[in-house]
PDB file of N, CA and C in Angstrom:
ATOM      1  N   MET A   1     -25.851 157.544 114.000  1.00  0.00           N
ATOM      2  CA  MET A   1     -24.596 156.905 112.903  1.00  0.00           C
ATOM      3  C   MET A   1     -25.437 155.346 113.987  1.00  0.00           C
ATOM      4  N   PRO A   2     -25.769 154.539 112.794  1.00  0.00           N
ATOM      5  CA  PRO A   2     -26.555 153.042 112.054  1.00  0.00           C
ATOM      6  C   PRO A   2     -25.029 152.591 113.558  1.00  0.00           C
ATOM      7  N   LYS A   3     -25.893 151.272 113.948  1.00  0.00           N
ATOM      8  CA  LYS A   3     -25.312 150.991 115.442  1.00  0.00           C
ATOM      9  C   LYS A   3     -24.017 149.777 114.991  1.00  0.00           C
ATOM     10  N   ASN A   4     -24.817 149.176 113.575  1.00  0.00           N
ATOM     11  CA  ASN A   4     -23.630 148.191 112.508  1.00  0.00           C
ATOM     12  C   ASN A   4     -22.268 149.093 111.653  1.00  0.00           C
ATOM     13  N   LEU A   5     -21.834 150.340 112.048  1.00  0.00           N
ATOM     14  CA  LEU A   5     -20.982 151.404 111.318  1.00  0.00           C
ATOM     15  C   LEU A   5     -20.435 152.152 112.838  1.00  0.00           C
ATOM     16  N   THR A   6     -18.847 151.164 112.743  1.00  0.00           N
ATOM     17  CA  THR A   6     -18.555 152.254 113.592  1.00  0.00           C
ATOM     18  C   THR A   6     -16.927 152.515 112.390  1.00  0.00           C
ATOM     19  N   VAL A   7     -17.129 154.028 113.291  1.00  0.00           N
ATOM     20  CA  VAL A   7     -15.277 154.837 112.335  1.00  0.00           C
ATOM     21  C   VAL A   7     -14.577 154.570 113.024  1.00  0.00           C
ATOM     22  N   LEU A   8     -13.940 154.362 111.812  1.00  0.00           N
ATOM     23  CA  LEU A   8     -12.274 153.627 112.005  1.00  0.00           C
ATOM     24  C   LEU A   8     -10.561 154.673 112.279  1.00  0.00           C
ATOM     25  N   THR A   9     -10.357 154.209 112.565  1.00  0.00           N
ATOM     26  CA  THR A   9      -8.818 155.454 112.764  1.00  0.00           C
ATOM     27  C   THR A   9      -7.859 154.425 111.649  1.00  0.00           C
ATOM     28  N   ASP A  10      -6.695 155.790 111.780  1.00  0.00           N
ATOM     29  CA  ASP A  10      -6.051 155.621 110.139  1.00  0.00           C
ATOM     30  C   ASP A  10      -4.949 154.175 110.863  1.00  0.00           C
ATOM     31  N   HIS A  11      -4.887 154.284 112.087  1.00  0.00           N
ATOM     32  CA  HIS A  11      -4.211 152.978 112.603  1.00  0.00           C
ATOM     33  C   HIS A  11      -4.974 151.167 111.547  1.00  0.00           C
ATOM     34  N   ASP A  12      -6.106 151.430 112.095  1.00  0.00           N
ATOM     35  CA  ASP A  12      -7.385 149.868 111.553  1.00  0.00           C
ATOM     36  C   ASP A  12      -7.235 149.528 110.141  1.00  0.00           C
ATOM     37  N   LEU A  13      -6.095 149.911 109.039  1.00  0.00           N
ATOM     38  CA  LEU A  13      -6.840 148.933 108.330  1.00  0.00           C
ATOM     39  C   LEU A  13      -6.566 147.562 107.931  1.00  0.00           C
ATOM     40  N   SER A  14      -6.204 147.299 108.480  1.00  0.00           N
ATOM     41  CA  SER A  14      -6.648 145.077 108.513  1.00  0.00           C
ATOM     42  C   SER A  14      -7.039 145.063 107.226  1.00  0.00           C
ATOM     43  N   TRP A  15      -8.754 145.768 107.138  1.00  0.00           N
ATOM     44  CA  TRP A  15      -9.640 144.901 106.286  1.00  0.00           C
ATOM     45  C   TRP A  15      -9.051 145.510 105.264  1.00  0.00           C
ATOM     46  N   GLN A  16      -8.501 145.151 104.203  1.00  0.00           N
ATOM     47  CA  GLN A  16      -7.671 145.827 102.748  1.00  0.00           C
ATOM     48  C   GLN A  16      -7.516 144.749 103.082  1.00  0.00           C
ATOM     49  N   GLU A  17      -6.001 144.149 103.468  1.00  0.00           N
ATOM     50  CA  GLU A  17      -5.181 143.146 103.487  1.00  0.00           C
ATOM     51  C   GLU A  17      -5.974 141.500 102.637  1.00  0.00           C
ATOM     52  N   THR A  18      -7.182 141.666 103.290  1.00  0.00           N
ATOM     53  CA  THR A  18      -8.080 140.804 102.620  1.00  0.00           C
ATOM     54  C   THR A  18      -9.059 141.298 102.568  1.00  0.00           C
ATOM     55  N   ALA A  19      -9.585 142.153 101.799  1.00  0.00           N
ATOM     56  CA  ALA A  19     -10.650 142.778 100.823  1.00  0.00           C
ATOM     57  C   ALA A  19     -10.107 142.378  99.098  1.00  0.00           C
ATOM     58  N   LEU A  20     -11.817 142.027  98.593  1.00  0.00           N
ATOM     59  CA  LEU A  20     -11.860 141.264  97.491  1.00  0.00           C
ATOM     60  C   LEU A  20     -11.367 142.178  96.214  1.00  0.00           C
ATOM     61  N   CYS A  21     -12.140 143.683  96.546  1.00  0.00           N
ATOM     62  CA  CYS A  21     -10.678 144.675  94.879  1.00  0.00           C
ATOM     63  C   CYS A  21      -9.232 144.765  95.199  1.00  0.00           C
ATOM     64  N   ALA A  22      -9.022 144.122  96.543  1.00  0.00           N
ATOM     65  CA  ALA A  22      -7.008 144.257  95.918  1.00  0.00           C
ATOM     66  C   ALA A  22      -7.195 143.473  95.308  1.00  0.00           C
ATOM     67  N   GLN A  23      -8.508 142.088  94.919  1.00  0.00           N
ATOM     68  CA  GLN A  23      -7.628 140.927  93.212  1.00  0.00           C
ATOM     69  C   GLN A  23      -7.939 141.209  92.508  1.00  0.00           C
ATOM     70  N   THR A  24      -8.317 142.581  92.070  1.00  0.00           N
ATOM     71  CA  THR A  24      -9.301 143.306  91.016  1.00  0.00           C
ATOM     72  C   THR A  24      -7.962 144.156  90.298  1.00  0.00           C
ATOM     73  N   GLY A  25      -8.744 144.618  89.283  1.00  0.00           N
ATOM     74  CA  GLY A  25      -7.962 145.923  88.655  1.00  0.00           C
ATOM     75  C   GLY A  25      -8.815 147.489  90.144  1.00  0.00           C
ATOM     76  N   ALA A  26      -8.051 148.400  89.877  1.00  0.00           N
ATOM     77  CA  ALA A  26      -8.363 149.504  89.905  1.00  0.00           C
ATOM     78  C   ALA A  26      -9.176 150.334  89.165  1.00  0.00           C
ATOM     79  N   GLU A  27      -9.857 149.924  87.788  1.00  0.00           N
ATOM     80  CA  GLU A  27     -10.445 150.045  87.032  1.00  0.00           C
ATOM     81  C   GLU A  27     -11.482 150.257  87.170  1.00  0.00           C
ATOM     82  N   PHE A  28     -11.429 148.799  87.975  1.00  0.00           N
ATOM     83  CA  PHE A  28     -12.860 148.250  88.296  1.00  0.00           C
ATOM     84  C   PHE A  28     -13.973 149.011  89.260  1.00  0.00           C
ATOM     85  N   PHE A  29     -12.928 149.867  89.902  1.00  0.00           N
ATOM     86  CA  PHE A  29     -13.753 150.269  90.990  1.00  0.00           C
ATOM     87  C   PHE A  29     -13.690 151.531  90.758  1.00  0.00           C
ATOM     88  N   PHE A  30     -13.368 152.173  89.760  1.00  0.00           N
ATOM     89  CA  PHE A  30     -12.865 153.775  88.810  1.00  0.00           C
ATOM     90  C   PHE A  30     -13.047 153.763  87.803  1.00  0.00           C
ATOM     91  N   PRO A  31     -14.541 153.139  87.634  1.00  0.00           N
ATOM     92  CA  PRO A  31     -15.144 153.157  85.864  1.00  0.00           C
ATOM     93  C   PRO A  31     -14.805 154.731  85.400  1.00  0.00           C
ATOM     94  N   GLU A  32     -15.239 154.648  83.898  1.00  0.00           N
ATOM     95  CA  GLU A  32     -15.294 156.114  83.255  1.00  0.00           C
ATOM     96  C   GLU A  32     -16.688 156.978  83.872  1.00  0.00           C
ATOM     97  N   PRO A  33     -16.726 157.610  83.429  1.00  0.00           N
ATOM     98  CA  PRO A  33     -18.066 159.114  84.226  1.00  0.00           C
ATOM     99  C   PRO A  33     -18.752 157.875  82.778  1.00  0.00           C
ATOM    100  N   GLY A  34     -19.904 157.433  83.737  1.00  0.00           N
ATOM    101  CA  GLY A  34     -21.555 157.958  82.678  1.00  0.00           C
ATOM    102  C   GLY A  34     -20.757 155.764  82.845  1.00  0.00           C
ATOM    103  N   SER A  35     -19.784 154.910  83.002  1.00  0.00           N
ATOM    104  CA  SER A  35     -20.029 153.444  83.030  1.00  0.00           C
ATOM    105  C   SER A  35     -20.932 152.619  84.653  1.00  0.00           C
ATOM    106  N   SER A  36     -21.401 151.517  84.296  1.00  0.00           N
ATOM    107  CA  SER A  36     -21.526 151.102  85.332  1.00  0.00           C
ATOM    108  C   SER A  36     -21.709 150.817  86.631  1.00  0.00           C
ATOM    109  N   THR A  37     -21.132 151.087  87.909  1.00  0.00           N
ATOM    110  CA  THR A  37     -21.154 150.254  88.887  1.00  0.00           C
ATOM    111  C   THR A  37     -21.256 148.573  89.236  1.00  0.00           C
ATOM    112  N   ARG A  38     -22.307 148.299  88.815  1.00  0.00           N
ATOM    113  CA  ARG A  38     -23.327 147.143  88.935  1.00  0.00           C
ATOM    114  C   ARG A  38     -21.787 145.574  89.566  1.00  0.00           C
ATOM    115  N   ASP A  39     -20.577 146.136  88.756  1.00  0.00           N
ATOM    116  CA  ASP A  39     -19.899 144.355  88.691  1.00  0.00           C
ATOM    117  C   ASP A  39     -19.447 145.177  90.382  1.00  0.00           C
ATOM    118  N   ALA A  40     -19.179 146.121  90.306  1.00  0.00           N
ATOM    119  CA  ALA A  40     -18.065 146.637  91.408  1.00  0.00           C
ATOM    120  C   ALA A  40     -19.403 146.014  92.950  1.00  0.00           C
ATOM    121  N   LYS A  41     -20.117 146.918  92.697  1.00  0.00           N
ATOM    122  CA  LYS A  41     -20.775 146.495  93.958  1.00  0.00           C
ATOM    123  C   LYS A  41     -21.148 145.100  93.908  1.00  0.00           C
ATOM    124  N   ARG A  42     -21.407 144.476  93.920  1.00  0.00           N
ATOM    125  CA  ARG A  42     -22.087 142.373  93.437  1.00  0.00           C
ATOM    126  C   ARG A  42     -20.145 142.722  94.592  1.00  0.00           C
ATOM    127  N   LEU A  43     -19.640 142.818  94.309  1.00  0.00           N
ATOM    128  CA  LEU A  43     -17.948 142.422  94.179  1.00  0.00           C
ATOM    129  C   LEU A  43     -17.820 143.386  96.177  1.00  0.00           C
ATOM    130  N   CYS A  44     -18.646 144.099  95.636  1.00  0.00           N
ATOM    131  CA  CYS A  44     -18.395 144.691  97.510  1.00  0.00           C
ATOM    132  C   CYS A  44     -19.592 143.817  98.332  1.00  0.00           C
ATOM    133  N   ALA A  45     -20.308 143.062  97.562  1.00  0.00           N
ATOM    134  CA  ALA A  45     -21.069 142.546  98.453  1.00  0.00           C
ATOM    135  C   ALA A  45     -20.458 141.850  99.575  1.00  0.00           C
ATOM    136  N   ALA A  46     -20.113 140.878  98.642  1.00  0.00           N
ATOM    137  CA  ALA A  46     -19.929 139.191  98.874  1.00  0.00           C
ATOM    138  C   ALA A  46     -18.220 140.087  99.191  1.00  0.00           C
ATOM    139  N   CYS A  47     -18.086 140.853  99.385  1.00  0.00           N
ATOM    140  CA  CYS A  47     -16.797 141.209 100.840  1.00  0.00           C
ATOM    141  C   CYS A  47     -16.011 141.489 101.991  1.00  0.00           C
ATOM    142  N   GLU A  48     -15.835 141.183 102.836  1.00  0.00           N
ATOM    143  CA  GLU A  48     -15.809 140.806 104.467  1.00  0.00           C
ATOM    144  C   GLU A  48     -16.435 141.515 104.813  1.00  0.00           C
ATOM    145  N   GLY A  49     -14.390 142.798 104.426  1.00  0.00           N
ATOM    146  CA  GLY A  49     -14.260 143.570 104.598  1.00  0.00           C
ATOM    147  C   GLY A  49     -15.176 145.525 104.081  1.00  0.00           C
ATOM    148  N   ARG A  50     -16.456 145.208 103.399  1.00  0.00           N
ATOM    149  CA  ARG A  50     -17.197 146.172 103.571  1.00  0.00           C
ATOM    150  C   ARG A  50     -17.969 147.333 103.887  1.00  0.00           C
ATOM    151  N   VAL A  51     -18.702 146.659 105.148  1.00  0.00           N
ATOM    152  CA  VAL A  51     -18.251 148.580 106.254  1.00  0.00           C
ATOM    153  C   VAL A  51     -16.973 149.308 106.480  1.00  0.00           C
ATOM    154  N   ALA A  52     -16.344 148.185 106.618  1.00  0.00           N
ATOM    155  CA  ALA A  52     -14.705 149.347 106.962  1.00  0.00           C
ATOM    156  C   ALA A  52     -14.254 149.643 105.958  1.00  0.00           C
ATOM    157  N   CYS A  53     -14.348 149.336 104.566  1.00  0.00           N
ATOM    158  CA  CYS A  53     -14.417 150.176 103.741  1.00  0.00           C
ATOM    159  C   CYS A  53     -15.304 151.544 103.346  1.00  0.00           C
ATOM    160  N   LEU A  54     -16.718 150.896 103.424  1.00  0.00           N
ATOM    161  CA  LEU A  54     -17.558 152.123 103.355  1.00  0.00           C
ATOM    162  C   LEU A  54     -17.071 152.830 104.881  1.00  0.00           C
ATOM    163  N   GLU A  55     -16.119 153.185 105.661  1.00  0.00           N
ATOM    164  CA  GLU A  55     -16.113 154.050 107.126  1.00  0.00           C
ATOM    165  C   GLU A  55     -15.263 154.588 106.774  1.00  0.00           C
ATOM    166  N   TYR A  56     -14.809 153.901 106.296  1.00  0.00           N
ATOM    167  CA  TYR A  56     -13.343 155.127 105.549  1.00  0.00           C
ATOM    168  C   TYR A  56     -13.351 155.720 104.766  1.00  0.00           C
ATOM    169  N   ALA A  57     -14.262 155.403 103.306  1.00  0.00           N
ATOM    170  CA  ALA A  57     -14.309 156.807 102.422  1.00  0.00           C
ATOM    171  C   ALA A  57     -15.118 157.853 103.458  1.00  0.00           C
ATOM    172  N   LEU A  58     -15.796 157.237 104.138  1.00  0.00           N
ATOM    173  CA  LEU A  58     -16.400 158.132 104.890  1.00  0.00           C
ATOM    174  C   LEU A  58     -16.239 159.325 105.620  1.00  0.00           C
ATOM    175  N   THR A  59     -15.121 158.412 105.879  1.00  0.00           N
ATOM    176  CA  THR A  59     -14.507 159.046 106.844  1.00  0.00           C
ATOM    177  C   THR A  59     -13.061 160.394 105.855  1.00  0.00           C
ATOM    178  N   HIS A  60     -12.187 159.769 105.444  1.00  0.00           N
ATOM    179  CA  HIS A  60     -11.193 160.563 104.093  1.00  0.00           C
ATOM    180  C   HIS A  60     -11.550 161.008 103.391  1.00  0.00           C
ATOM    181  N   ASP A  61     -13.493 161.712 102.816  1.00  0.00           N
ATOM    182  CA  ASP A  61     -14.269 161.852 102.245  1.00  0.00           C
ATOM    183  C   ASP A  61     -13.693 161.117 101.205  1.00  0.00           C
ATOM    184  N   GLU A  62     -14.142 160.247 100.541  1.00  0.00           N
ATOM    185  CA  GLU A  62     -13.664 159.891  98.859  1.00  0.00           C
ATOM    186  C   GLU A  62     -14.282 160.217  98.619  1.00  0.00           C
ATOM    187  N   ARG A  63     -14.287 160.823  97.748  1.00  0.00           N
ATOM    188  CA  ARG A  63     -15.239 161.070  96.608  1.00  0.00           C
ATOM    189  C   ARG A  63     -15.473 161.349  95.310  1.00  0.00           C
ATOM    190  N   PHE A  64     -14.098 159.758  94.575  1.00  0.00           N
ATOM    191  CA  PHE A  64     -13.521 158.962  94.092  1.00  0.00           C
ATOM    192  C   PHE A  64     -14.099 157.241  94.183  1.00  0.00           C
ATOM    193  N   GLY A  65     -14.435 156.981  92.840  1.00  0.00           N
ATOM    194  CA  GLY A  65     -14.948 155.567  92.900  1.00  0.00           C
ATOM    195  C   GLY A  65     -15.803 154.333  93.685  1.00  0.00           C
ATOM    196  N   VAL A  66     -16.371 153.468  93.626  1.00  0.00           N
ATOM    197  CA  VAL A  66     -17.369 152.303  94.789  1.00  0.00           C
ATOM    198  C   VAL A  66     -16.379 152.044  95.790  1.00  0.00           C
ATOM    199  N   TRP A  67     -16.225 152.262  96.587  1.00  0.00           N
ATOM    200  CA  TRP A  67     -16.248 151.940  98.341  1.00  0.00           C
ATOM    201  C   TRP A  67     -16.784 151.268  99.171  1.00  0.00           C
ATOM    202  N   GLY A  68     -16.679 150.245  99.592  1.00  0.00           N
ATOM    203  CA  GLY A  68     -17.817 150.077 100.709  1.00  0.00           C
ATOM    204  C   GLY A  68     -19.100 149.640  99.637  1.00  0.00           C
ATOM    205  N   GLY A  69     -19.264 149.458  98.590  1.00  0.00           N
ATOM    206  CA  GLY A  69     -20.823 149.070  97.878  1.00  0.00           C
ATOM    207  C   GLY A  69     -20.878 150.396  97.176  1.00  0.00           C
ATOM    208  N   LEU A  70     -21.040 151.367  97.578  1.00  0.00           N
ATOM    209  CA  LEU A  70     -21.985 153.430  97.212  1.00  0.00           C
ATOM    210  C   LEU A  70     -20.749 153.698  96.493  1.00  0.00           C
ATOM    211  N   SER A  71     -21.441 154.357  95.542  1.00  0.00           N
ATOM    212  CA  SER A  71     -20.759 155.029  94.668  1.00  0.00           C
ATOM    213  C   SER A  71     -20.837 156.635  94.882  1.00  0.00           C
ATOM    214  N   GLU A  72     -19.629 157.852  94.788  1.00  0.00           N
ATOM    215  CA  GLU A  72     -19.926 158.775  95.217  1.00  0.00           C
ATOM    216  C   GLU A  72     -20.895 159.610  95.833  1.00  0.00           C
ATOM    217  N   GLN A  73     -22.400 159.206  94.691  1.00  0.00           N
ATOM    218  CA  GLN A  73     -23.465 159.972  94.557  1.00  0.00           C
ATOM    219  C   GLN A  73     -24.119 158.777  96.103  1.00  0.00           C
ATOM    220  N   GLU A  74     -23.924 157.862  96.232  1.00  0.00           N
ATOM    221  CA  GLU A  74     -24.452 156.882  96.850  1.00  0.00           C
ATOM    222  C   GLU A  74     -23.522 157.570  98.486  1.00  0.00           C
ATOM    223  N   ARG A  75     -22.098 157.420  98.232  1.00  0.00           N
ATOM    224  CA  ARG A  75     -22.358 158.240  99.985  1.00  0.00           C
ATOM    225  C   ARG A  75     -21.889 159.496  99.920  1.00  0.00           C
ATOM    226  N   SER A  76     -22.507 160.786  99.115  1.00  0.00           N
ATOM    227  CA  SER A  76     -22.916 162.088  99.607  1.00  0.00           C
ATOM    228  C   SER A  76     -24.464 162.145 100.083  1.00  0.00           C
ATOM    229  N   GLU A  77     -24.250 161.446  99.955  1.00  0.00           N
ATOM    230  CA  GLU A  77     -26.590 161.075 100.136  1.00  0.00           C
ATOM    231  C   GLU A  77     -26.374 160.579 101.554  1.00  0.00           C
ATOM    232  N   LEU A  78     -25.461 159.891 102.302  1.00  0.00           N
ATOM    233  CA  LEU A  78     -25.885 159.156 103.283  1.00  0.00           C
ATOM    234  C   LEU A  78     -25.145 159.909 104.323  1.00  0.00           C
ATOM    235  N   ARG A  79     -24.040 160.825 103.923  1.00  0.00           N
ATOM    236  CA  ARG A  79     -23.386 161.900 104.819  1.00  0.00           C
ATOM    237  C   ARG A  79     -24.609 162.270 104.958  1.00  0.00           C
ATOM    238  N   LEU A  80     -25.129 163.432 104.371  1.00  0.00           N
ATOM    239  CA  LEU A  80     -25.976 163.793 104.748  1.00  0.00           C
ATOM    240  C   LEU A  80     -27.482 163.334 105.358  1.00  0.00           C
ATOM    241  N   ARG A  81     -27.931 162.511 104.924  1.00  0.00           N
ATOM    242  CA  ARG A  81     -28.544 161.396 106.056  1.00  0.00           C
ATOM    243  C   ARG A  81     -28.150 161.627 107.299  1.00  0.00           C
ATOM    244  N   ARG A  82     -26.559 161.424 107.406  1.00  0.00           N
ATOM    245  CA  ARG A  82     -26.375 161.377 109.084  1.00  0.00           C
ATOM    246  C   ARG A  82     -26.159 162.942 109.218  1.00  0.00           C
ATOM    247  N   ALA A  83     -26.005 163.428 108.411  1.00  0.00           N
ATOM    248  CA  ALA A  83     -25.689 164.978 109.313  1.00  0.00           C
ATOM    249  C   ALA A  83     -26.803 165.935 108.993  1.00  0.00           C
ATOM    250  N   GLY A  84     -28.527 164.884 108.675  1.00  0.00           N
ATOM    251  CA  GLY A  84     -29.791 165.347 109.344  1.00  0.00           C
ATOM    252  C   GLY A  84     -29.880 165.836 108.798  1.00  0.00           C
ATOM    253  N   ARG A  85     -29.556 166.540 107.082  1.00  0.00           N
ATOM    254  CA  ARG A  85     -29.885 167.366 106.370  1.00  0.00           C
ATOM    255  C   ARG A  85     -31.408 166.226 104.929  1.00  0.00           C
TER     256      ARG A  85
END
C-alpha cells in the first residue's frame, strides 16, 4: 500500500464535512453512463478529503460514481494493482 494512503475506520468520516462534493449535486459525481467524469475529477483534485474519500470507496467497495478522483474502472484497476495482479 502506498505510504500516503491509510485505511480508515467507519468512525473516521470527518472528511465528509469539508468535502467539496458536499457542495455540489450528486449527479456531478454519478454521471449517466458514457458521460464525462472530467469535471468531477477536477473538483476532487482540489479537495482536501480526496485521499480519505478514495480510501473510503475502496474499503466499502463503492462501485458507482467518482470517489477520491477515480472512476469505477480506475478504482477497480487500483484494487487489482494493490492485490498484486
